[in-house]
Amino acid sequence: MSQSLYVGNLPYNASEEELRNLFAEHGPVESVRIITDRVTGLSRGFGFVDMETDEAAEAAIAALNGADFKGRALRVNVSKPREDNRNRDRY
């Protein structure tokens, strides 16, 4: 079963291939997504990496959370389910 990881504080010039290679050192990677701005298409500085196993995800978190990647300290943890904000009351 795959485990989705949140990866924050990414350098804006990081590629999905670079991120895949970085995480592949700690286990099999299922998918990588760097989130981009809808208007500009530029990176928003965070993304998600789906590791194929829980063990690979735990190894990646232990090794990469706080690690330097292209001059920035990564934040890596288990991603949380996205909340649906469309129906919230607005004040």
PDB file of N, CA and C in Angstrom:
ATOM      1  N   MET A   1       0.840  -1.181   0.000  1.00  0.00           N
ATOM      2  CA  MET A   1       0.000   0.000   0.000  1.00  0.00           C
ATOM      3  C   MET A   1       0.889   1.250   0.000  1.00  0.00           C
ATOM      4  N   SER A   2       0.562   2.212  -0.827  1.00  0.00           N
ATOM      5  CA  SER A   2       1.404   3.399  -0.934  1.00  0.00           C
ATOM      6  C   SER A   2       1.117   4.384   0.196  1.00  0.00           C
ATOM      7  N   GLN A   3       2.113   5.190   0.481  1.00  0.00           N
ATOM      8  CA  GLN A   3       2.028   6.204   1.524  1.00  0.00           C
ATOM      9  C   GLN A   3       2.365   7.548   0.893  1.00  0.00           C
ATOM     10  N   SER A   4       1.484   8.527   1.032  1.00  0.00           N
ATOM     11  CA  SER A   4       1.701   9.842   0.449  1.00  0.00           C
ATOM     12  C   SER A   4       2.427  10.738   1.444  1.00  0.00           C
ATOM     13  N   LEU A   5       3.494  11.395   0.977  1.00  0.00           N
ATOM     14  CA  LEU A   5       4.279  12.291   1.806  1.00  0.00           C
ATOM     15  C   LEU A   5       4.159  13.715   1.301  1.00  0.00           C
ATOM     16  N   TYR A   6       4.029  14.647   2.229  1.00  0.00           N
ATOM     17  CA  TYR A   6       4.082  16.077   1.930  1.00  0.00           C
ATOM     18  C   TYR A   6       5.541  16.489   1.959  1.00  0.00           C
ATOM     19  N   VAL A   7       5.973  17.254   0.965  1.00  0.00           N
ATOM     20  CA  VAL A   7       7.344  17.750   0.910  1.00  0.00           C
ATOM     21  C   VAL A   7       7.266  19.267   0.780  1.00  0.00           C
ATOM     22  N   GLY A   8       7.674  19.974   1.828  1.00  0.00           N
ATOM     23  CA  GLY A   8       7.608  21.432   1.837  1.00  0.00           C
ATOM     24  C   GLY A   8       8.980  22.066   1.803  1.00  0.00           C
ATOM     25  N   ASN A   9       8.981  23.368   1.578  1.00  0.00           N
ATOM     26  CA  ASN A   9      10.191  24.184   1.500  1.00  0.00           C
ATOM     27  C   ASN A   9      11.079  23.765   0.327  1.00  0.00           C
ATOM     28  N   LEU A  10      10.430  23.364  -0.762  1.00  0.00           N
ATOM     29  CA  LEU A  10      11.174  22.981  -1.965  1.00  0.00           C
ATOM     30  C   LEU A  10      11.755  24.211  -2.650  1.00  0.00           C
ATOM     31  N   PRO A  11      12.945  24.080  -3.217  1.00  0.00           N
ATOM     32  CA  PRO A  11      13.456  25.171  -4.048  1.00  0.00           C
ATOM     33  C   PRO A  11      12.524  25.348  -5.256  1.00  0.00           C
ATOM     34  N   TYR A  12      12.313  26.568  -5.657  1.00  0.00           N
ATOM     35  CA  TYR A  12      11.371  26.827  -6.751  1.00  0.00           C
ATOM     36  C   TYR A  12      11.841  26.271  -8.090  1.00  0.00           C
ATOM     37  N   ASN A  13      13.143  25.975  -8.213  1.00  0.00           N
ATOM     38  CA  ASN A  13      13.654  25.440  -9.471  1.00  0.00           C
ATOM     39  C   ASN A  13      13.800  23.920  -9.441  1.00  0.00           C
ATOM     40  N   ALA A  14      13.317  23.270  -8.402  1.00  0.00           N
ATOM     41  CA  ALA A  14      13.407  21.808  -8.310  1.00  0.00           C
ATOM     42  C   ALA A  14      12.467  21.159  -9.330  1.00  0.00           C
ATOM     43  N   SER A  15      12.930  20.049  -9.906  1.00  0.00           N
ATOM     44  CA  SER A  15      12.101  19.324 -10.871  1.00  0.00           C
ATOM     45  C   SER A  15      11.539  18.061 -10.219  1.00  0.00           C
ATOM     46  N   GLU A  16      10.481  17.536 -10.808  1.00  0.00           N
ATOM     47  CA  GLU A  16       9.898  16.297 -10.307  1.00  0.00           C
ATOM     48  C   GLU A  16      10.894  15.147 -10.436  1.00  0.00           C
ATOM     49  N   GLU A  17      11.704  15.154 -11.479  1.00  0.00           N
ATOM     50  CA  GLU A  17      12.702  14.103 -11.671  1.00  0.00           C
ATOM     51  C   GLU A  17      13.766  14.147 -10.567  1.00  0.00           C
ATOM     52  N   GLU A  18      14.219  15.348 -10.204  1.00  0.00           N
ATOM     53  CA  GLU A  18      15.188  15.486  -9.113  1.00  0.00           C
ATOM     54  C   GLU A  18      14.604  14.988  -7.795  1.00  0.00           C
ATOM     55  N   LEU A  19      13.350  15.331  -7.559  1.00  0.00           N
ATOM     56  CA  LEU A  19      12.677  14.901  -6.325  1.00  0.00           C
ATOM     57  C   LEU A  19      12.503  13.382  -6.311  1.00  0.00           C
ATOM     58  N   ARG A  20      12.130  12.811  -7.453  1.00  0.00           N
ATOM     59  CA  ARG A  20      11.997  11.352  -7.561  1.00  0.00           C
ATOM     60  C   ARG A  20      13.332  10.671  -7.244  1.00  0.00           C
ATOM     61  N   ASN A  21      14.421  11.167  -7.810  1.00  0.00           N
ATOM     62  CA  ASN A  21      15.738  10.580  -7.576  1.00  0.00           C
ATOM     63  C   ASN A  21      16.143  10.679  -6.111  1.00  0.00           C
ATOM     64  N   LEU A  22      15.850  11.806  -5.480  1.00  0.00           N
ATOM     65  CA  LEU A  22      16.180  12.000  -4.072  1.00  0.00           C
ATOM     66  C   LEU A  22      15.446  10.991  -3.189  1.00  0.00           C
ATOM     67  N   PHE A  23      14.157  10.814  -3.425  1.00  0.00           N
ATOM     68  CA  PHE A  23      13.362   9.901  -2.601  1.00  0.00           C
ATOM     69  C   PHE A  23      13.614   8.438  -2.954  1.00  0.00           C
ATOM     70  N   ALA A  24      13.992   8.158  -4.190  1.00  0.00           N
ATOM     71  CA  ALA A  24      14.256   6.777  -4.614  1.00  0.00           C
ATOM     72  C   ALA A  24      15.441   6.170  -3.872  1.00  0.00           C
ATOM     73  N   GLU A  25      16.294   6.998  -3.294  1.00  0.00           N
ATOM     74  CA  GLU A  25      17.413   6.493  -2.495  1.00  0.00           C
ATOM     75  C   GLU A  25      16.933   5.786  -1.231  1.00  0.00           C
ATOM     76  N   HIS A  26      15.663   6.001  -0.863  1.00  0.00           N
ATOM     77  CA  HIS A  26      15.120   5.460   0.386  1.00  0.00           C
ATOM     78  C   HIS A  26      14.029   4.424   0.173  1.00  0.00           C
ATOM     79  N   GLY A  27      13.723   4.109  -1.081  1.00  0.00           N
ATOM     80  CA  GLY A  27      12.736   3.084  -1.394  1.00  0.00           C
ATOM     81  C   GLY A  27      12.029   3.391  -2.700  1.00  0.00           C
ATOM     82  N   PRO A  28      11.194   2.459  -3.137  1.00  0.00           N
ATOM     83  CA  PRO A  28      10.493   2.645  -4.417  1.00  0.00           C
ATOM     84  C   PRO A  28       9.475   3.792  -4.370  1.00  0.00           C
ATOM     85  N   VAL A  29       9.531   4.638  -5.404  1.00  0.00           N
ATOM     86  CA  VAL A  29       8.642   5.795  -5.511  1.00  0.00           C
ATOM     87  C   VAL A  29       7.541   5.485  -6.521  1.00  0.00           C
ATOM     88  N   GLU A  30       6.308   5.722  -6.129  1.00  0.00           N
ATOM     89  CA  GLU A  30       5.166   5.481  -7.008  1.00  0.00           C
ATOM     90  C   GLU A  30       4.880   6.696  -7.893  1.00  0.00           C
ATOM     91  N   SER A  31       4.853   7.901  -7.300  1.00  0.00           N
ATOM     92  CA  SER A  31       4.597   9.110  -8.081  1.00  0.00           C
ATOM     93  C   SER A  31       5.143  10.339  -7.356  1.00  0.00           C
ATOM     94  N   VAL A  32       5.337  11.417  -8.137  1.00  0.00           N
ATOM     95  CA  VAL A  32       5.835  12.692  -7.618  1.00  0.00           C
ATOM     96  C   VAL A  32       5.015  13.804  -8.257  1.00  0.00           C
ATOM     97  N   ARG A  33       4.582  14.755  -7.437  1.00  0.00           N
ATOM     98  CA  ARG A  33       3.836  15.913  -7.948  1.00  0.00           C
ATOM     99  C   ARG A  33       4.345  17.178  -7.261  1.00  0.00           C
ATOM    100  N   ILE A  34       4.869  18.111  -8.027  1.00  0.00           N
ATOM    101  CA  ILE A  34       5.195  19.433  -7.491  1.00  0.00           C
ATOM    102  C   ILE A  34       4.019  20.328  -7.842  1.00  0.00           C
ATOM    103  N   ILE A  35       3.478  21.006  -6.844  1.00  0.00           N
ATOM    104  CA  ILE A  35       2.292  21.839  -7.037  1.00  0.00           C
ATOM    105  C   ILE A  35       2.724  23.179  -7.649  1.00  0.00           C
ATOM    106  N   THR A  36       1.999  23.580  -8.686  1.00  0.00           N
ATOM    107  CA  THR A  36       2.315  24.821  -9.387  1.00  0.00           C
ATOM    108  C   THR A  36       1.148  25.801  -9.317  1.00  0.00           C
ATOM    109  N   ASP A  37       1.463  27.060  -9.472  1.00  0.00           N
ATOM    110  CA  ASP A  37       0.462  28.120  -9.496  1.00  0.00           C
ATOM    111  C   ASP A  37      -0.365  27.992 -10.776  1.00  0.00           C
ATOM    112  N   ARG A  38      -1.655  28.132 -10.668  1.00  0.00           N
ATOM    113  CA  ARG A  38      -2.537  27.981 -11.843  1.00  0.00           C
ATOM    114  C   ARG A  38      -2.306  29.042 -12.898  1.00  0.00           C
ATOM    115  N   VAL A  39      -1.988  30.242 -12.463  1.00  0.00           N
ATOM    116  CA  VAL A  39      -1.837  31.354 -13.397  1.00  0.00           C
ATOM    117  C   VAL A  39      -0.449  31.382 -14.034  1.00  0.00           C
ATOM    118  N   THR A  40       0.585  31.316 -13.196  1.00  0.00           N
ATOM    119  CA  THR A  40       1.954  31.475 -13.702  1.00  0.00           C
ATOM    120  C   THR A  40       2.601  30.162 -14.111  1.00  0.00           C
ATOM    121  N   GLY A  41       2.125  29.048 -13.557  1.00  0.00           N
ATOM    122  CA  GLY A  41       2.731  27.759 -13.841  1.00  0.00           C
ATOM    123  C   GLY A  41       4.014  27.507 -13.060  1.00  0.00           C
ATOM    124  N   LEU A  42       4.388  28.443 -12.186  1.00  0.00           N
ATOM    125  CA  LEU A  42       5.604  28.305 -11.391  1.00  0.00           C
ATOM    126  C   LEU A  42       5.336  27.470 -10.137  1.00  0.00           C
ATOM    127  N   SER A  43       6.396  26.840  -9.632  1.00  0.00           N
ATOM    128  CA  SER A  43       6.282  26.029  -8.427  1.00  0.00           C
ATOM    129  C   SER A  43       5.800  26.867  -7.249  1.00  0.00           C
ATOM    130  N   ARG A  44       4.985  26.243  -6.390  1.00  0.00           N
ATOM    131  CA  ARG A  44       4.529  26.912  -5.173  1.00  0.00           C
ATOM    132  C   ARG A  44       5.407  26.533  -3.979  1.00  0.00           C
ATOM    133  N   GLY A  45       6.447  25.725  -4.213  1.00  0.00           N
ATOM    134  CA  GLY A  45       7.400  25.412  -3.164  1.00  0.00           C
ATOM    135  C   GLY A  45       7.049  24.206  -2.317  1.00  0.00           C
ATOM    136  N   PHE A  46       6.082  23.415  -2.778  1.00  0.00           N
ATOM    137  CA  PHE A  46       5.759  22.176  -2.074  1.00  0.00           C
ATOM    138  C   PHE A  46       5.229  21.147  -3.052  1.00  0.00           C
ATOM    139  N   GLY A  47       5.184  19.910  -2.599  1.00  0.00           N
ATOM    140  CA  GLY A  47       4.697  18.843  -3.458  1.00  0.00           C
ATOM    141  C   GLY A  47       4.394  17.595  -2.656  1.00  0.00           C
ATOM    142  N   PHE A  48       4.146  16.508  -3.376  1.00  0.00           N
ATOM    143  CA  PHE A  48       3.786  15.234  -2.751  1.00  0.00           C
ATOM    144  C   PHE A  48       4.550  14.112  -3.435  1.00  0.00           C
ATOM    145  N   VAL A  49       5.038  13.189  -2.628  1.00  0.00           N
ATOM    146  CA  VAL A  49       5.725  12.009  -3.134  1.00  0.00           C
ATOM    147  C   VAL A  49       4.998  10.800  -2.569  1.00  0.00           C
ATOM    148  N   ASP A  50       4.564   9.899  -3.438  1.00  0.00           N
ATOM    149  CA  ASP A  50       3.920   8.667  -3.009  1.00  0.00           C
ATOM    150  C   ASP A  50       4.949   7.546  -3.037  1.00  0.00           C
ATOM    151  N   MET A  51       5.246   7.014  -1.855  1.00  0.00           N
ATOM    152  CA  MET A  51       6.183   5.903  -1.730  1.00  0.00           C
ATOM    153  C   MET A  51       5.376   4.611  -1.792  1.00  0.00           C
ATOM    154  N   GLU A  52       5.957   3.559  -2.374  1.00  0.00           N
ATOM    155  CA  GLU A  52       5.222   2.305  -2.568  1.00  0.00           C
ATOM    156  C   GLU A  52       4.919   1.563  -1.277  1.00  0.00           C
ATOM    157  N   THR A  53       5.765   1.718  -0.245  1.00  0.00           N
ATOM    158  CA  THR A  53       5.537   0.998   1.014  1.00  0.00           C
ATOM    159  C   THR A  53       5.635   1.946   2.199  1.00  0.00           C
ATOM    160  N   ASP A  54       5.023   1.546   3.304  1.00  0.00           N
ATOM    161  CA  ASP A  54       5.118   2.331   4.535  1.00  0.00           C
ATOM    162  C   ASP A  54       6.562   2.402   5.019  1.00  0.00           C
ATOM    163  N   GLU A  55       7.308   1.307   4.849  1.00  0.00           N
ATOM    164  CA  GLU A  55       8.702   1.272   5.295  1.00  0.00           C
ATOM    165  C   GLU A  55       9.542   2.287   4.515  1.00  0.00           C
ATOM    166  N   ALA A  56       9.312   2.380   3.205  1.00  0.00           N
ATOM    167  CA  ALA A  56      10.039   3.338   2.380  1.00  0.00           C
ATOM    168  C   ALA A  56       9.677   4.770   2.792  1.00  0.00           C
ATOM    169  N   ALA A  57       8.405   5.003   3.091  1.00  0.00           N
ATOM    170  CA  ALA A  57       7.961   6.330   3.520  1.00  0.00           C
ATOM    171  C   ALA A  57       8.624   6.713   4.837  1.00  0.00           C
ATOM    172  N   GLU A  58       8.656   5.789   5.793  1.00  0.00           N
ATOM    173  CA  GLU A  58       9.285   6.064   7.086  1.00  0.00           C
ATOM    174  C   GLU A  58      10.775   6.340   6.923  1.00  0.00           C
ATOM    175  N   ALA A  59      11.437   5.581   6.054  1.00  0.00           N
ATOM    176  CA  ALA A  59      12.866   5.785   5.809  1.00  0.00           C
ATOM    177  C   ALA A  59      13.114   7.156   5.178  1.00  0.00           C
ATOM    178  N   ALA A  60      12.265   7.549   4.243  1.00  0.00           N
ATOM    179  CA  ALA A  60      12.417   8.842   3.583  1.00  0.00           C
ATOM    180  C   ALA A  60      12.198   9.992   4.564  1.00  0.00           C
ATOM    181  N   ILE A  61      11.190   9.873   5.425  1.00  0.00           N
ATOM    182  CA  ILE A  61      10.933  10.917   6.427  1.00  0.00           C
ATOM    183  C   ILE A  61      12.135  11.047   7.351  1.00  0.00           C
ATOM    184  N   ALA A  62      12.620   9.915   7.849  1.00  0.00           N
ATOM    185  CA  ALA A  62      13.750   9.933   8.784  1.00  0.00           C
ATOM    186  C   ALA A  62      14.998  10.551   8.153  1.00  0.00           C
ATOM    187  N   ALA A  63      15.239  10.252   6.888  1.00  0.00           N
ATOM    188  CA  ALA A  63      16.460  10.719   6.234  1.00  0.00           C
ATOM    189  C   ALA A  63      16.345  12.137   5.681  1.00  0.00           C
ATOM    190  N   LEU A  64      15.162  12.537   5.219  1.00  0.00           N
ATOM    191  CA  LEU A  64      15.055  13.779   4.454  1.00  0.00           C
ATOM    192  C   LEU A  64      14.407  14.950   5.178  1.00  0.00           C
ATOM    193  N   ASN A  65      13.676  14.710   6.260  1.00  0.00           N
ATOM    194  CA  ASN A  65      13.072  15.826   6.987  1.00  0.00           C
ATOM    195  C   ASN A  65      14.190  16.665   7.611  1.00  0.00           C
ATOM    196  N   GLY A  66      14.299  17.914   7.187  1.00  0.00           N
ATOM    197  CA  GLY A  66      15.353  18.806   7.654  1.00  0.00           C
ATOM    198  C   GLY A  66      16.628  18.747   6.826  1.00  0.00           C
ATOM    199  N   ALA A  67      16.689  17.824   5.871  1.00  0.00           N
ATOM    200  CA  ALA A  67      17.887  17.678   5.036  1.00  0.00           C
ATOM    201  C   ALA A  67      17.975  18.822   4.028  1.00  0.00           C
ATOM    202  N   ASP A  68      19.205  19.178   3.682  1.00  0.00           N
ATOM    203  CA  ASP A  68      19.450  20.230   2.699  1.00  0.00           C
ATOM    204  C   ASP A  68      19.231  19.685   1.288  1.00  0.00           C
ATOM    205  N   PHE A  69      18.415  20.394   0.514  1.00  0.00           N
ATOM    206  CA  PHE A  69      18.190  20.057  -0.886  1.00  0.00           C
ATOM    207  C   PHE A  69      18.284  21.343  -1.684  1.00  0.00           C
ATOM    208  N   LYS A  70      19.381  21.493  -2.429  1.00  0.00           N
ATOM    209  CA  LYS A  70      19.608  22.682  -3.253  1.00  0.00           C
ATOM    210  C   LYS A  70      19.549  23.965  -2.414  1.00  0.00           C
ATOM    211  N   GLY A  71      20.113  23.891  -1.193  1.00  0.00           N
ATOM    212  CA  GLY A  71      20.198  25.074  -0.340  1.00  0.00           C
ATOM    213  C   GLY A  71      19.009  25.331   0.559  1.00  0.00           C
ATOM    214  N   ARG A  72      18.032  24.436   0.590  1.00  0.00           N
ATOM    215  CA  ARG A  72      16.854  24.625   1.448  1.00  0.00           C
ATOM    216  C   ARG A  72      16.641  23.389   2.302  1.00  0.00           C
ATOM    217  N   ALA A  73      16.210  23.599   3.543  1.00  0.00           N
ATOM    218  CA  ALA A  73      15.937  22.488   4.464  1.00  0.00           C
ATOM    219  C   ALA A  73      14.525  21.969   4.192  1.00  0.00           C
ATOM    220  N   LEU A  74      14.426  20.745   3.703  1.00  0.00           N
ATOM    221  CA  LEU A  74      13.137  20.153   3.370  1.00  0.00           C
ATOM    222  C   LEU A  74      12.303  19.875   4.618  1.00  0.00           C
ATOM    223  N   ARG A  75      10.994  19.948   4.460  1.00  0.00           N
ATOM    224  CA  ARG A  75      10.051  19.479   5.480  1.00  0.00           C
ATOM    225  C   ARG A  75       9.336  18.289   4.858  1.00  0.00           C
ATOM    226  N   VAL A  76       9.470  17.140   5.483  1.00  0.00           N
ATOM    227  CA  VAL A  76       8.865  15.922   4.943  1.00  0.00           C
ATOM    228  C   VAL A  76       8.066  15.249   6.045  1.00  0.00           C
ATOM    229  N   ASN A  77       6.778  15.014   5.786  1.00  0.00           N
ATOM    230  CA  ASN A  77       5.942  14.273   6.718  1.00  0.00           C
ATOM    231  C   ASN A  77       4.789  13.619   5.973  1.00  0.00           C
ATOM    232  N   VAL A  78       4.048  12.784   6.668  1.00  0.00           N
ATOM    233  CA  VAL A  78       2.905  12.104   6.062  1.00  0.00           C
ATOM    234  C   VAL A  78       1.866  13.161   5.698  1.00  0.00           C
ATOM    235  N   SER A  79       1.367  13.102   4.465  1.00  0.00           N
ATOM    236  CA  SER A  79       0.384  14.106   4.040  1.00  0.00           C
ATOM    237  C   SER A  79      -0.967  13.827   4.681  1.00  0.00           C
ATOM    238  N   LYS A  80      -1.694  14.911   4.903  1.00  0.00           N
ATOM    239  CA  LYS A  80      -3.026  14.821   5.499  1.00  0.00           C
ATOM    240  C   LYS A  80      -4.057  14.905   4.381  1.00  0.00           C
ATOM    241  N   PRO A  81      -5.218  14.286   4.578  1.00  0.00           N
ATOM    242  CA  PRO A  81      -6.257  14.381   3.547  1.00  0.00           C
ATOM    243  C   PRO A  81      -6.663  15.836   3.320  1.00  0.00           C
ATOM    244  N   ARG A  82      -6.933  16.151   2.087  1.00  0.00           N
ATOM    245  CA  ARG A  82      -7.337  17.505   1.737  1.00  0.00           C
ATOM    246  C   ARG A  82      -8.736  17.781   2.255  1.00  0.00           C
ATOM    247  N   GLU A  83      -8.909  18.954   2.888  1.00  0.00           N
ATOM    248  CA  GLU A  83     -10.226  19.344   3.371  1.00  0.00           C
ATOM    249  C   GLU A  83     -10.987  20.030   2.250  1.00  0.00           C
ATOM    250  N   ASP A  84     -12.269  19.801   2.220  1.00  0.00           N
ATOM    251  CA  ASP A  84     -13.117  20.457   1.235  1.00  0.00           C
ATOM    252  C   ASP A  84     -13.586  21.782   1.822  1.00  0.00           C
ATOM    253  N   ASN A  85     -13.058  22.905   1.322  1.00  0.00           N
ATOM    254  CA  ASN A  85     -13.366  24.216   1.852  1.00  0.00           C
ATOM    255  C   ASN A  85     -14.496  24.922   1.096  1.00  0.00           C
ATOM    256  N   ARG A  86     -15.036  24.292   0.092  1.00  0.00           N
ATOM    257  CA  ARG A  86     -16.053  24.972  -0.731  1.00  0.00           C
ATOM    258  C   ARG A  86     -17.341  25.269  -0.002  1.00  0.00           C
ATOM    259  N   ASN A  87     -17.698  24.459   0.983  1.00  0.00           N
ATOM    260  CA  ASN A  87     -18.986  24.636   1.647  1.00  0.00           C
ATOM    261  C   ASN A  87     -18.877  25.304   3.014  1.00  0.00           C
ATOM    262  N   ARG A  88     -17.732  25.838   3.346  1.00  0.00           N
ATOM    263  CA  ARG A  88     -17.565  26.511   4.630  1.00  0.00           C
ATOM    264  C   ARG A  88     -18.241  27.862   4.613  1.00  0.00           C
ATOM    265  N   ASP A  89     -18.784  28.236   5.755  1.00  0.00           N
ATOM    266  CA  ASP A  89     -19.362  29.586   5.889  1.00  0.00           C
ATOM    267  C   ASP A  89     -18.229  30.593   5.885  1.00  0.00           C
ATOM    268  N   ARG A  90     -18.444  31.663   5.206  1.00  0.00           N
ATOM    269  CA  ARG A  90     -17.440  32.732   5.161  1.00  0.00           C
ATOM    270  C   ARG A  90     -17.996  33.944   5.891  1.00  0.00           C
ATOM    271  N   TYR A  91     -17.148  34.559   6.689  1.00  0.00           N
ATOM    272  CA  TYR A  91     -17.578  35.731   7.463  1.00  0.00           C
ATOM    273  C   TYR A  91     -16.949  36.971   6.924  1.00  0.00           C
TER     274      TYR A  91
END
